[in-house]
Every structure is written in structure tokens, then in C-alpha cells.
Protein backbone atom coordinates (compact mmCIF):
# COMPACT_ATOMS: atom_id res chain seq x y z
CA MET A 1 -16.39 20.95 15.29
CA ASN A 2 -12.96 19.43 13.45
CA MET A 3 -13.61 20.05 9.73
CA VAL A 4 -10.81 18.58 7.49
CA SER A 5 -11.01 19.98 4.04
CA THR A 6 -11.13 17.83 0.65
CA ALA A 7 -7.48 19.30 -0.07
CA GLN A 8 -5.89 18.23 3.51
CA GLN A 9 -7.92 14.38 2.96
CA GLU A 10 -6.27 14.65 -1.05
CA ASN A 11 -2.99 15.53 0.31
CA THR A 12 -2.72 12.82 3.31
CA GLY A 13 -4.07 10.15 0.79
CA ASN A 14 -1.17 11.18 -1.70
CA ALA A 15 1.16 11.02 0.98
CA LEU A 16 0.15 7.49 2.01
CA VAL A 17 0.34 6.06 -1.38
CA ASN A 18 3.72 7.92 -1.65
CA ASP A 19 5.04 6.26 1.65
CA VAL A 20 3.43 2.95 0.24
CA ILE A 21 5.62 3.17 -2.98
CA ALA A 22 8.66 4.15 -1.09
CA LEU A 23 7.82 0.76 0.98
CA VAL A 24 7.54 -1.11 -2.29
CA ARG A 25 10.73 0.03 -3.92
CA ALA A 26 12.57 -0.85 -0.65
CA ALA A 27 11.15 -4.18 -0.16
CA ILE A 28 11.95 -4.94 -4.04
CA ASN A 29 15.20 -3.03 -4.25
CA GLU A 30 15.84 -4.03 -7.87
CA ASP A 31 16.97 -1.50 -10.22
CA TRP A 32 13.47 -1.97 -12.49
CA ILE A 33 11.23 -0.75 -9.60
CA HIS A 34 13.15 2.27 -8.74
CA ASP A 35 12.48 3.26 -12.74
CA MET A 36 8.85 2.30 -12.76
CA GLU A 37 6.25 4.94 -12.43
CA MET A 38 3.72 4.02 -9.91
CA ASP A 39 0.53 5.85 -8.46
CA ALA A 40 -2.63 4.73 -6.27
CA ASP A 41 -3.95 2.84 -9.57
CA THR A 42 -0.82 0.48 -10.15
CA SER A 43 -1.64 -3.26 -9.54
CA LEU A 44 0.54 -5.32 -7.41
CA ASN A 45 -0.01 -8.29 -9.82
CA ARG A 46 -0.56 -6.94 -13.66
CA ASP A 47 1.76 -3.98 -13.46
CA LEU A 48 4.71 -4.99 -11.07
CA GLU A 49 4.26 -8.74 -11.26
CA ILE A 50 4.82 -9.00 -7.63
CA GLU A 51 5.43 -12.53 -6.38
CA SER A 52 4.36 -13.87 -2.97
CA MET A 53 7.96 -13.61 -1.35
CA ASP A 54 8.31 -9.62 -2.42
CA PHE A 55 4.66 -9.04 -0.92
CA VAL A 56 5.88 -10.82 2.36
CA ALA A 57 8.50 -8.23 2.22
CA ILE A 58 6.12 -5.28 1.30
CA ALA A 59 4.04 -6.57 4.12
CA ASN A 60 7.00 -6.84 6.82
CA LEU A 61 7.76 -3.17 5.82
CA MET A 62 4.67 -1.72 6.14
CA GLN A 63 4.02 -3.34 9.49
CA GLN A 64 7.35 -2.18 10.67
CA GLN A 65 6.41 1.52 9.42
CA TYR A 66 2.98 1.35 10.67
CA GLY A 67 2.61 -1.31 13.58
CA ASP A 68 1.19 -4.34 14.46
CA SER A 69 -2.12 -2.92 14.21
CA LEU A 70 -2.28 -3.31 10.29
CA ASP A 71 -3.04 -6.75 10.52
CA ILE A 72 -2.44 -7.50 6.68
CA ALA A 73 -2.78 -11.05 7.03
CA GLY A 74 -5.97 -10.88 8.41
CA TRP A 75 -7.06 -7.91 6.10
CA LEU A 76 -5.95 -10.25 3.02
CA SER A 77 -7.63 -13.35 4.20
CA GLY A 78 -10.88 -11.55 3.82
CA LYS A 79 -10.26 -10.88 0.19
CA ASP A 80 -11.47 -13.06 -2.38
CA ILE A 81 -9.32 -14.40 -5.15
CA LYS A 82 -10.40 -11.38 -7.50
CA GLN A 83 -9.87 -8.69 -5.11
CA LEU A 84 -6.10 -10.30 -4.28
CA VAL A 85 -5.25 -10.53 -8.12
CA ASN A 86 -6.29 -6.79 -8.56
CA LEU A 87 -4.75 -5.33 -5.34
CA THR A 88 -3.54 -2.14 -5.96
CA ILE A 89 -0.98 0.62 -4.34
CA GLY A 90 -3.88 2.45 -3.42
CA ASP A 91 -5.59 -0.34 -1.54
CA LEU A 92 -2.33 -0.90 0.49
CA ALA A 93 -2.68 2.86 1.42
CA GLY A 94 -6.31 2.80 2.14
CA HIS A 95 -5.81 -0.02 4.54
CA VAL A 96 -2.99 1.88 6.22
CA ALA A 97 -5.60 4.87 6.60
CA ASP A 98 -8.15 2.93 7.94
CA ARG A 99 -5.89 1.04 10.56
CA THR A 100 -4.07 4.22 11.64
CA GLY A 101 -6.50 6.98 11.32
CA ARG A 102 -4.22 8.70 8.63
CA GLY A 103 -6.50 9.79 5.61
């Protein structure tokens, strides 16, 4: 039986969050985003004020990094407006974990 410890799961989750943060920074690529502290609870809308074109750039980099199996457009289409407005770095990392088996 393959048992993964809670600490290992947290480390994998933290690594995914850090990967997503790096992709967000790369996609936005403005000085302010590199200075901003981000974590899993950082809201793309409220905290980062990400615009739709920026989100498209983020989604493109995520698909390049993790593959087309992410189907970000499909994932987002299943969300209501409240969920979209409240989307966080952690939500993106969770989606990566679900689709890639990481985490």
C-alpha cells in the first residue's frame, strides 16, 4: 500500500502553489507583480486585479507547463460568477493537482 504522509502532501501542494505563483509573475511580467507577496489565498481579482487578457496569458503558460489536460477553459466554464470572482492561486494549484495527479 502506498501511503503518502500529510507533510509530503503539503510539500507537494506548496510546490504547486509556488509554481503557479511563478507562472502568474511570468505572465504578468510587470515590476509590481514581482514585489507582491502571494500565497494560496491570494485572489486573482481582489488582490491582483487580474484582467481577462492577463488571465489568458496565465492560462496559456499553465497549459504549456502542465499540458492540455488542464482544460482551463472547460474548468472555468463550470464555475459561477461568484466562484470566478473569488478565484485564488490555490484554486489554480488545486486544479493542476487534480488534472495532473500531483498533490
